Amino acid sequence: MSGINGIGFNGNSAALTNGFSAVEAAKFQNETAKFQSLLDSVSAKQEASLASSQIAQSGRLNGDYTSGFDGTYTSQADKTSRPVGAAANSATTNKTIDRTSDLYEKALELESYFVKMMLSSMRSTLSGTSFNGEEKSYAQTMYEDMLYDELAVSMTKNAGFGLADQIYLELV
């Protein structure tokens, strides 16, 4: 261990017991061993809780900046909903969609990816400079990319393109 309140402590209590009686040295070594055991226990618990708390659901890490589609559709009516958007115009209009399924969630993610590609193409037509002619910083570019990712997720949830519905109906 590298130091407790500025004291270099490496677990070797024998070096610190010079000048003590044998009984005091034994007590000190016993207390040191208990303290080291306690520190190891706390450290192991922190590592275990950190590892389990970092994984939210299905492999996503806490702190991911996109909201995702997990839990978007939860009502009983979402289990037998009708297709919307482009999927409603296809010949398979008599089929229903289970919007609560994992397959539909993945179809939404794919639709979101396509919407992000469309937005990226639109964004690339803009100039890479700010209003006063300066180039964008790395942080500004990263923030804009995160903004467009979240915009794609929001558009997928609310615009009703129907691409996810078509993908779901083709895969079921």
N, C-alpha and C. Protein backbone atom coordinates (compact mmCIF):
# COMPACT_ATOMS: atom_id res chain seq x y z
N MET A 1 0.85 -1.16 0.00
CA MET A 1 0.00 0.00 0.00
C MET A 1 0.90 1.22 0.00
N SER A 2 0.50 2.23 -0.66
CA SER A 2 1.40 3.34 -0.90
C SER A 2 1.29 4.45 0.13
N GLY A 3 0.56 4.53 1.03
CA GLY A 3 0.65 5.63 1.99
C GLY A 3 -0.69 5.92 2.62
N ILE A 4 -0.68 6.09 3.91
CA ILE A 4 -1.89 6.41 4.63
C ILE A 4 -1.66 7.75 5.30
N ASN A 5 -2.38 8.76 4.88
CA ASN A 5 -2.23 10.11 5.40
C ASN A 5 -0.78 10.57 5.37
N GLY A 6 -0.10 10.26 4.31
CA GLY A 6 1.27 10.72 4.16
C GLY A 6 2.31 9.82 4.78
N ILE A 7 1.90 8.76 5.46
CA ILE A 7 2.85 7.84 6.08
C ILE A 7 3.06 6.70 5.11
N GLY A 8 4.30 6.42 4.77
CA GLY A 8 4.57 5.31 3.88
C GLY A 8 4.36 4.00 4.63
N PHE A 9 3.38 3.22 4.25
CA PHE A 9 3.07 1.96 4.92
C PHE A 9 3.01 0.89 3.87
N ASN A 10 3.89 -0.07 3.97
CA ASN A 10 3.92 -1.13 2.97
C ASN A 10 3.52 -2.49 3.54
N GLY A 11 2.91 -2.51 4.70
CA GLY A 11 2.48 -3.76 5.30
C GLY A 11 3.55 -4.42 6.16
N ASN A 12 4.75 -3.89 6.20
CA ASN A 12 5.83 -4.46 6.99
C ASN A 12 5.83 -3.76 8.34
N SER A 13 5.15 -4.35 9.31
CA SER A 13 5.03 -3.71 10.62
C SER A 13 6.27 -3.93 11.47
N ALA A 14 7.12 -4.86 11.10
CA ALA A 14 8.32 -5.13 11.91
C ALA A 14 9.26 -3.93 11.89
N ALA A 15 9.30 -3.20 10.80
CA ALA A 15 10.19 -2.04 10.71
C ALA A 15 9.70 -0.91 11.62
N LEU A 16 8.40 -0.88 11.94
CA LEU A 16 7.85 0.18 12.78
C LEU A 16 7.87 -0.16 14.26
N THR A 17 8.19 -1.42 14.63
CA THR A 17 8.09 -1.85 16.03
C THR A 17 9.42 -1.80 16.76
N ASN A 18 10.44 -1.26 16.16
CA ASN A 18 11.72 -1.13 16.87
C ASN A 18 11.53 -0.23 18.08
N GLY A 19 12.03 -0.65 19.22
CA GLY A 19 11.91 0.14 20.44
C GLY A 19 10.70 -0.23 21.29
N PHE A 20 9.81 -1.10 20.82
CA PHE A 20 8.68 -1.56 21.60
C PHE A 20 9.04 -2.87 22.27
N SER A 21 8.31 -3.19 23.34
CA SER A 21 8.49 -4.50 23.96
C SER A 21 7.89 -5.56 23.04
N ALA A 22 8.20 -6.79 23.32
CA ALA A 22 7.73 -7.89 22.46
C ALA A 22 6.21 -7.97 22.46
N VAL A 23 5.56 -7.73 23.61
CA VAL A 23 4.10 -7.79 23.70
C VAL A 23 3.50 -6.65 22.89
N GLU A 24 4.05 -5.44 23.04
CA GLU A 24 3.54 -4.29 22.29
C GLU A 24 3.75 -4.49 20.79
N ALA A 25 4.92 -5.04 20.44
CA ALA A 25 5.20 -5.29 19.03
C ALA A 25 4.23 -6.31 18.46
N ALA A 26 3.90 -7.37 19.22
CA ALA A 26 2.95 -8.39 18.77
C ALA A 26 1.56 -7.80 18.60
N LYS A 27 1.14 -6.93 19.56
CA LYS A 27 -0.15 -6.25 19.45
C LYS A 27 -0.20 -5.37 18.21
N PHE A 28 0.88 -4.63 18.02
CA PHE A 28 0.96 -3.73 16.88
C PHE A 28 0.88 -4.52 15.57
N GLN A 29 1.60 -5.63 15.49
CA GLN A 29 1.58 -6.43 14.29
C GLN A 29 0.20 -7.05 14.06
N ASN A 30 -0.47 -7.45 15.15
CA ASN A 30 -1.81 -8.02 15.05
C ASN A 30 -2.80 -6.96 14.55
N GLU A 31 -2.73 -5.76 15.13
CA GLU A 31 -3.61 -4.68 14.69
C GLU A 31 -3.33 -4.29 13.25
N THR A 32 -2.05 -4.30 12.88
CA THR A 32 -1.66 -3.98 11.51
C THR A 32 -2.23 -5.00 10.54
N ALA A 33 -2.18 -6.27 10.91
CA ALA A 33 -2.72 -7.33 10.06
C ALA A 33 -4.23 -7.18 9.91
N LYS A 34 -4.93 -6.83 11.01
CA LYS A 34 -6.38 -6.61 10.96
C LYS A 34 -6.69 -5.43 10.04
N PHE A 35 -5.90 -4.35 10.19
CA PHE A 35 -6.11 -3.16 9.39
C PHE A 35 -5.90 -3.47 7.90
N GLN A 36 -4.84 -4.21 7.60
CA GLN A 36 -4.55 -4.58 6.21
C GLN A 36 -5.66 -5.46 5.65
N SER A 37 -6.17 -6.39 6.45
CA SER A 37 -7.27 -7.25 6.03
C SER A 37 -8.52 -6.43 5.74
N LEU A 38 -8.80 -5.45 6.61
CA LEU A 38 -9.95 -4.57 6.41
C LEU A 38 -9.80 -3.77 5.13
N LEU A 39 -8.61 -3.22 4.90
CA LEU A 39 -8.37 -2.46 3.68
C LEU A 39 -8.54 -3.32 2.43
N ASP A 40 -8.02 -4.55 2.48
CA ASP A 40 -8.17 -5.45 1.35
C ASP A 40 -9.64 -5.77 1.09
N SER A 41 -10.41 -5.97 2.17
CA SER A 41 -11.83 -6.28 2.04
C SER A 41 -12.59 -5.12 1.43
N VAL A 42 -12.33 -3.91 1.92
CA VAL A 42 -12.99 -2.72 1.39
C VAL A 42 -12.62 -2.51 -0.08
N SER A 43 -11.36 -2.69 -0.39
CA SER A 43 -10.90 -2.53 -1.76
C SER A 43 -11.57 -3.52 -2.70
N ALA A 44 -11.69 -4.77 -2.26
CA ALA A 44 -12.33 -5.79 -3.08
C ALA A 44 -13.81 -5.47 -3.29
N LYS A 45 -14.48 -5.00 -2.23
CA LYS A 45 -15.89 -4.64 -2.36
C LYS A 45 -16.08 -3.46 -3.29
N GLN A 46 -15.18 -2.47 -3.20
CA GLN A 46 -15.28 -1.31 -4.10
C GLN A 46 -15.08 -1.72 -5.54
N GLU A 47 -14.10 -2.59 -5.79
CA GLU A 47 -13.86 -3.03 -7.16
C GLU A 47 -15.05 -3.81 -7.69
N ALA A 48 -15.64 -4.67 -6.86
CA ALA A 48 -16.79 -5.46 -7.30
C ALA A 48 -17.99 -4.56 -7.57
N SER A 49 -18.24 -3.59 -6.69
CA SER A 49 -19.39 -2.71 -6.90
C SER A 49 -19.15 -1.78 -8.08
N LEU A 50 -17.91 -1.36 -8.28
CA LEU A 50 -17.60 -0.50 -9.42
C LEU A 50 -17.83 -1.25 -10.71
N ALA A 51 -17.38 -2.50 -10.77
CA ALA A 51 -17.54 -3.28 -11.99
C ALA A 51 -19.01 -3.53 -12.29
N SER A 52 -19.81 -3.85 -11.28
CA SER A 52 -21.21 -4.14 -11.53
C SER A 52 -22.02 -2.86 -11.75
N SER A 53 -21.61 -1.75 -11.17
CA SER A 53 -22.38 -0.53 -11.35
C SER A 53 -22.07 0.15 -12.67
N GLN A 54 -20.95 -0.21 -13.32
CA GLN A 54 -20.60 0.41 -14.59
C GLN A 54 -21.43 -0.15 -15.74
N ILE A 55 -21.94 -1.35 -15.59
CA ILE A 55 -22.73 -1.95 -16.65
C ILE A 55 -24.20 -1.74 -16.32
N ALA A 56 -24.88 -0.97 -17.15
CA ALA A 56 -26.27 -0.64 -16.90
C ALA A 56 -27.16 -1.79 -17.38
N GLN A 57 -27.59 -1.76 -18.60
CA GLN A 57 -28.40 -2.83 -19.14
C GLN A 57 -27.83 -3.25 -20.47
N SER A 58 -27.86 -4.51 -20.70
CA SER A 58 -27.43 -5.14 -21.95
C SER A 58 -26.15 -4.55 -22.53
N GLY A 59 -25.13 -4.43 -21.67
CA GLY A 59 -23.82 -4.05 -22.17
C GLY A 59 -23.54 -2.57 -22.28
N ARG A 60 -24.50 -1.73 -22.02
CA ARG A 60 -24.25 -0.28 -22.11
C ARG A 60 -23.57 0.19 -20.84
N LEU A 61 -22.67 1.12 -20.96
CA LEU A 61 -21.99 1.67 -19.80
C LEU A 61 -22.73 2.88 -19.27
N ASN A 62 -22.68 3.05 -17.94
CA ASN A 62 -23.24 4.27 -17.37
C ASN A 62 -22.46 5.45 -17.91
N GLY A 63 -23.12 6.49 -18.26
CA GLY A 63 -22.46 7.66 -18.80
C GLY A 63 -22.47 7.69 -20.31
N ASP A 64 -23.05 6.67 -20.97
CA ASP A 64 -23.20 6.75 -22.41
C ASP A 64 -24.07 7.96 -22.72
N TYR A 65 -23.68 8.72 -23.71
CA TYR A 65 -24.34 9.99 -23.93
C TYR A 65 -25.62 9.87 -24.73
N THR A 66 -25.88 8.74 -25.38
CA THR A 66 -27.14 8.61 -26.11
C THR A 66 -28.19 7.99 -25.21
N SER A 67 -29.42 8.35 -25.43
CA SER A 67 -30.48 7.85 -24.58
C SER A 67 -30.88 6.43 -24.94
N GLY A 68 -30.79 6.05 -26.19
CA GLY A 68 -31.11 4.69 -26.59
C GLY A 68 -32.61 4.44 -26.65
N PHE A 69 -32.97 3.19 -26.87
CA PHE A 69 -34.38 2.85 -27.07
C PHE A 69 -34.90 1.91 -26.00
N ASP A 70 -34.08 1.57 -25.02
CA ASP A 70 -34.50 0.66 -23.97
C ASP A 70 -35.62 1.30 -23.16
N GLY A 71 -36.74 0.62 -23.05
CA GLY A 71 -37.87 1.13 -22.27
C GLY A 71 -38.70 2.17 -22.98
N THR A 72 -38.52 2.34 -24.28
CA THR A 72 -39.31 3.32 -25.02
C THR A 72 -40.77 2.90 -25.09
N TYR A 73 -40.99 1.64 -25.40
CA TYR A 73 -42.35 1.10 -25.50
C TYR A 73 -42.55 0.08 -24.39
N THR A 74 -43.50 0.35 -23.51
CA THR A 74 -43.72 -0.55 -22.37
C THR A 74 -45.18 -0.92 -22.14
N SER A 75 -46.11 -0.27 -22.79
CA SER A 75 -47.52 -0.53 -22.48
C SER A 75 -48.00 -1.81 -23.16
N GLN A 76 -49.12 -2.31 -22.70
CA GLN A 76 -49.70 -3.52 -23.25
C GLN A 76 -50.14 -3.31 -24.69
N ALA A 77 -50.58 -2.11 -25.04
CA ALA A 77 -51.01 -1.82 -26.41
C ALA A 77 -49.85 -1.88 -27.39
N ASP A 78 -48.62 -1.68 -26.90
CA ASP A 78 -47.45 -1.73 -27.77
C ASP A 78 -47.11 -3.15 -28.22
N LYS A 79 -47.70 -4.14 -27.60
CA LYS A 79 -47.43 -5.53 -27.99
C LYS A 79 -48.14 -5.92 -29.27
N THR A 80 -49.23 -5.24 -29.58
CA THR A 80 -50.01 -5.56 -30.80
C THR A 80 -50.34 -4.29 -31.56
N SER A 81 -49.37 -3.48 -31.84
CA SER A 81 -49.63 -2.22 -32.54
C SER A 81 -49.55 -2.40 -34.04
N ARG A 82 -50.12 -1.47 -34.75
CA ARG A 82 -50.14 -1.48 -36.20
C ARG A 82 -48.89 -0.78 -36.74
N PRO A 83 -48.42 -1.14 -37.92
CA PRO A 83 -47.27 -0.46 -38.52
C PRO A 83 -47.60 0.99 -38.84
N VAL A 84 -46.58 1.84 -38.82
CA VAL A 84 -46.75 3.26 -39.16
C VAL A 84 -45.76 3.62 -40.26
N GLY A 85 -45.95 4.80 -40.82
CA GLY A 85 -45.03 5.31 -41.82
C GLY A 85 -45.05 4.50 -43.10
N ALA A 86 -43.88 4.27 -43.64
CA ALA A 86 -43.76 3.55 -44.90
C ALA A 86 -44.24 2.11 -44.77
N ALA A 87 -44.12 1.51 -43.61
CA ALA A 87 -44.55 0.13 -43.42
C ALA A 87 -46.07 0.00 -43.48
N ALA A 88 -46.80 1.05 -43.16
CA ALA A 88 -48.25 1.01 -43.22
C ALA A 88 -48.74 0.96 -44.66
N ASN A 89 -47.94 1.42 -45.60
CA ASN A 89 -48.33 1.44 -47.01
C ASN A 89 -47.99 0.15 -47.74
N SER A 90 -47.27 -0.75 -47.09
CA SER A 90 -46.87 -1.98 -47.76
C SER A 90 -48.02 -2.98 -47.77
N ALA A 91 -47.78 -4.08 -48.45
CA ALA A 91 -48.83 -5.10 -48.60
C ALA A 91 -49.07 -5.90 -47.32
N THR A 92 -48.20 -5.78 -46.33
CA THR A 92 -48.33 -6.58 -45.11
C THR A 92 -48.99 -5.77 -44.00
N THR A 93 -50.04 -5.02 -44.33
CA THR A 93 -50.68 -4.17 -43.33
C THR A 93 -51.52 -4.94 -42.32
N ASN A 94 -51.81 -6.22 -42.57
CA ASN A 94 -52.62 -6.98 -41.62
C ASN A 94 -51.78 -7.56 -40.47
N LYS A 95 -50.46 -7.38 -40.51
CA LYS A 95 -49.60 -7.87 -39.44
C LYS A 95 -49.50 -6.85 -38.32
N THR A 96 -49.22 -7.36 -37.11
CA THR A 96 -49.02 -6.47 -35.97
C THR A 96 -47.55 -6.49 -35.56
N ILE A 97 -47.17 -5.49 -34.80
CA ILE A 97 -45.78 -5.34 -34.37
C ILE A 97 -45.73 -5.35 -32.86
N ASP A 98 -44.78 -6.12 -32.32
CA ASP A 98 -44.53 -6.12 -30.87
C ASP A 98 -43.41 -5.12 -30.61
N ARG A 99 -43.78 -3.91 -30.27
CA ARG A 99 -42.79 -2.85 -30.07
C ARG A 99 -41.98 -3.02 -28.78
N THR A 100 -42.38 -3.93 -27.91
CA THR A 100 -41.65 -4.16 -26.66
C THR A 100 -40.54 -5.19 -26.82
N SER A 101 -40.44 -5.83 -27.97
CA SER A 101 -39.47 -6.90 -28.16
C SER A 101 -38.06 -6.35 -28.40
N ASP A 102 -37.08 -7.20 -28.15
CA ASP A 102 -35.68 -6.83 -28.40
C ASP A 102 -35.41 -6.66 -29.88
N LEU A 103 -36.09 -7.45 -30.72
CA LEU A 103 -35.91 -7.33 -32.16
C LEU A 103 -36.34 -5.95 -32.65
N TYR A 104 -37.46 -5.46 -32.13
CA TYR A 104 -37.92 -4.13 -32.54
C TYR A 104 -36.96 -3.05 -32.03
N GLU A 105 -36.41 -3.24 -30.85
CA GLU A 105 -35.42 -2.28 -30.32
C GLU A 105 -34.20 -2.22 -31.23
N LYS A 106 -33.74 -3.36 -31.70
CA LYS A 106 -32.59 -3.40 -32.62
C LYS A 106 -32.96 -2.79 -33.96
N ALA A 107 -34.20 -3.00 -34.41
CA ALA A 107 -34.66 -2.37 -35.65
C ALA A 107 -34.68 -0.84 -35.50
N LEU A 108 -35.07 -0.36 -34.33
CA LEU A 108 -35.02 1.09 -34.07
C LEU A 108 -33.59 1.61 -34.10
N GLU A 109 -32.66 0.83 -33.55
CA GLU A 109 -31.26 1.25 -33.57
C GLU A 109 -30.74 1.33 -35.00
N LEU A 110 -31.15 0.38 -35.85
CA LEU A 110 -30.73 0.41 -37.25
C LEU A 110 -31.33 1.61 -37.96
N GLU A 111 -32.62 1.88 -37.71
CA GLU A 111 -33.24 3.07 -38.30
C GLU A 111 -32.54 4.33 -37.83
N SER A 112 -32.18 4.38 -36.56
CA SER A 112 -31.47 5.54 -36.02
C SER A 112 -30.12 5.71 -36.69
N TYR A 113 -29.46 4.61 -37.00
CA TYR A 113 -28.17 4.68 -37.70
C TYR A 113 -28.36 5.26 -39.10
N PHE A 114 -29.42 4.84 -39.80
CA PHE A 114 -29.69 5.39 -41.13
C PHE A 114 -30.02 6.88 -41.05
N VAL A 115 -30.78 7.27 -40.06
CA VAL A 115 -31.11 8.70 -39.88
C VAL A 115 -29.85 9.48 -39.56
N LYS A 116 -28.94 8.90 -38.76
CA LYS A 116 -27.68 9.57 -38.45
C LYS A 116 -26.83 9.74 -39.71
N MET A 117 -26.83 8.73 -40.57
CA MET A 117 -26.10 8.86 -41.84
C MET A 117 -26.68 9.98 -42.69
N MET A 118 -28.01 10.09 -42.71
CA MET A 118 -28.66 11.16 -43.47
C MET A 118 -28.28 12.53 -42.88
N LEU A 119 -28.32 12.63 -41.56
CA LEU A 119 -27.96 13.89 -40.91
C LEU A 119 -26.49 14.23 -41.11
N SER A 120 -25.63 13.22 -41.12
CA SER A 120 -24.20 13.46 -41.34
C SER A 120 -23.95 13.97 -42.75
N SER A 121 -24.70 13.43 -43.72
CA SER A 121 -24.57 13.92 -45.09
C SER A 121 -25.02 15.37 -45.19
N MET A 122 -26.10 15.69 -44.50
CA MET A 122 -26.59 17.08 -44.51
C MET A 122 -25.59 18.00 -43.81
N ARG A 123 -25.02 17.50 -42.72
CA ARG A 123 -24.06 18.30 -41.95
C ARG A 123 -22.78 18.56 -42.73
N SER A 124 -22.39 17.61 -43.56
CA SER A 124 -21.15 17.78 -44.31
C SER A 124 -21.25 18.90 -45.36
N THR A 125 -22.46 19.31 -45.69
CA THR A 125 -22.62 20.40 -46.65
C THR A 125 -22.37 21.76 -46.01
N LEU A 126 -22.35 21.80 -44.68
CA LEU A 126 -22.09 23.05 -43.98
C LEU A 126 -20.60 23.34 -43.97
N SER A 127 -20.25 24.61 -43.90
CA SER A 127 -18.82 24.94 -43.83
C SER A 127 -18.28 24.55 -42.47
N GLY A 128 -16.99 24.27 -42.40
CA GLY A 128 -16.36 23.84 -41.17
C GLY A 128 -15.85 24.98 -40.31
N THR A 129 -16.34 26.18 -40.55
CA THR A 129 -15.88 27.33 -39.78
C THR A 129 -17.04 27.93 -39.01
N SER A 130 -16.69 28.70 -38.00
CA SER A 130 -17.71 29.38 -37.22
C SER A 130 -18.09 30.69 -37.92
N PHE A 131 -18.95 31.47 -37.30
CA PHE A 131 -19.42 32.71 -37.91
C PHE A 131 -18.30 33.70 -38.17
N ASN A 132 -17.31 33.73 -37.32
CA ASN A 132 -16.22 34.69 -37.49
C ASN A 132 -15.07 34.13 -38.32
N GLY A 133 -15.25 32.95 -38.96
CA GLY A 133 -14.25 32.41 -39.87
C GLY A 133 -13.23 31.50 -39.24
N GLU A 134 -13.30 31.24 -37.94
CA GLU A 134 -12.33 30.36 -37.29
C GLU A 134 -12.75 28.90 -37.45
N GLU A 135 -11.75 28.04 -37.49
CA GLU A 135 -12.02 26.61 -37.55
C GLU A 135 -12.62 26.14 -36.22
N LYS A 136 -13.47 25.11 -36.28
CA LYS A 136 -14.07 24.56 -35.07
C LYS A 136 -13.02 23.81 -34.27
N SER A 137 -13.12 23.88 -32.97
CA SER A 137 -12.20 23.15 -32.11
C SER A 137 -12.60 21.67 -32.07
N TYR A 138 -11.71 20.85 -31.55
CA TYR A 138 -11.98 19.42 -31.42
C TYR A 138 -13.19 19.19 -30.51
N ALA A 139 -13.25 19.93 -29.40
CA ALA A 139 -14.36 19.77 -28.46
C ALA A 139 -15.68 20.17 -29.11
N GLN A 140 -15.67 21.23 -29.89
CA GLN A 140 -16.90 21.67 -30.56
C GLN A 140 -17.35 20.62 -31.59
N THR A 141 -16.40 20.04 -32.31
CA THR A 141 -16.74 19.01 -33.28
C THR A 141 -17.30 17.77 -32.59
N MET A 142 -16.69 17.38 -31.46
CA MET A 142 -17.17 16.22 -30.72
C MET A 142 -18.57 16.49 -30.17
N TYR A 143 -18.80 17.68 -29.64
CA TYR A 143 -20.12 18.02 -29.10
C TYR A 143 -21.16 17.98 -30.21
N GLU A 144 -20.84 18.52 -31.37
CA GLU A 144 -21.80 18.50 -32.48
C GLU A 144 -22.11 17.07 -32.90
N ASP A 145 -21.11 16.20 -32.91
CA ASP A 145 -21.34 14.81 -33.27
C ASP A 145 -22.27 14.14 -32.27
N MET A 146 -22.07 14.40 -30.98
CA MET A 146 -22.96 13.85 -29.96
C MET A 146 -24.36 14.43 -30.11
N LEU A 147 -24.45 15.71 -30.45
CA LEU A 147 -25.75 16.35 -30.66
C LEU A 147 -26.50 15.69 -31.81
N TYR A 148 -25.81 15.42 -32.90
CA TYR A 148 -26.46 14.79 -34.05
C TYR A 148 -26.82 13.33 -33.75
N ASP A 149 -26.04 12.64 -32.95
CA ASP A 149 -26.41 11.29 -32.52
C ASP A 149 -27.72 11.31 -31.76
N GLU A 150 -27.82 12.22 -30.82
CA GLU A 150 -29.04 12.32 -30.01
C GLU A 150 -30.22 12.80 -30.84
N LEU A 151 -29.96 13.68 -31.80
CA LEU A 151 -31.02 14.14 -32.70
C LEU A 151 -31.54 12.98 -33.54
N ALA A 152 -30.65 12.10 -33.99
CA ALA A 152 -31.08 10.93 -34.76
C ALA A 152 -31.95 10.01 -33.92
N VAL A 153 -31.58 9.80 -32.66
CA VAL A 153 -32.39 8.95 -31.77
C VAL A 153 -33.76 9.59 -31.55
N SER A 154 -33.78 10.89 -31.31
CA SER A 154 -35.04 11.59 -31.09
C SER A 154 -35.93 11.56 -32.33
N MET A 155 -35.34 11.76 -33.48
CA MET A 155 -36.12 11.71 -34.73
C MET A 155 -36.67 10.31 -34.97
N THR A 156 -35.90 9.29 -34.66
CA THR A 156 -36.36 7.91 -34.85
C THR A 156 -37.55 7.62 -33.94
N LYS A 157 -37.48 8.10 -32.71
CA LYS A 157 -38.58 7.85 -31.77
C LYS A 157 -39.85 8.59 -32.16
N ASN A 158 -39.74 9.79 -32.72
CA ASN A 158 -40.90 10.66 -32.86
C ASN A 158 -41.37 10.92 -34.28
N ALA A 159 -40.54 10.73 -35.29
CA ALA A 159 -40.91 11.13 -36.64
C ALA A 159 -41.83 10.15 -37.34
N GLY A 160 -41.78 8.89 -36.98
CA GLY A 160 -42.66 7.91 -37.61
C GLY A 160 -42.28 7.58 -39.04
N PHE A 161 -40.98 7.45 -39.31
CA PHE A 161 -40.54 7.09 -40.65
C PHE A 161 -41.06 5.72 -41.06
N GLY A 162 -41.10 4.78 -40.13
CA GLY A 162 -41.61 3.45 -40.41
C GLY A 162 -40.57 2.47 -40.90
N LEU A 163 -39.32 2.89 -40.97
CA LEU A 163 -38.28 1.98 -41.43
C LEU A 163 -38.07 0.84 -40.43
N ALA A 164 -38.11 1.14 -39.14
CA ALA A 164 -37.96 0.09 -38.12
C ALA A 164 -39.13 -0.89 -38.21
N ASP A 165 -40.31 -0.41 -38.50
CA ASP A 165 -41.46 -1.29 -38.65
C ASP A 165 -41.27 -2.23 -39.84
N GLN A 166 -40.78 -1.70 -40.95
CA GLN A 166 -40.52 -2.54 -42.12
C GLN A 166 -39.45 -3.59 -41.83
N ILE A 167 -38.38 -3.17 -41.16
CA ILE A 167 -37.31 -4.11 -40.81
C ILE A 167 -37.87 -5.21 -39.91
N TYR A 168 -38.65 -4.82 -38.92
CA TYR A 168 -39.24 -5.81 -38.00
C TYR A 168 -40.14 -6.79 -38.75
N LEU A 169 -40.99 -6.28 -39.63
CA LEU A 169 -41.92 -7.15 -40.35
C LEU A 169 -41.18 -8.10 -41.29
N GLU A 170 -40.06 -7.67 -41.84
CA GLU A 170 -39.29 -8.55 -42.72
C GLU A 170 -38.58 -9.65 -41.94
N LEU A 171 -38.19 -9.36 -40.70
CA LEU A 171 -37.43 -10.32 -39.91
C LEU A 171 -38.31 -11.27 -39.10
N VAL A 172 -39.56 -10.95 -38.92
CA VAL A 172 -40.44 -11.81 -38.11
C VAL A 172 -40.97 -12.94 -38.95
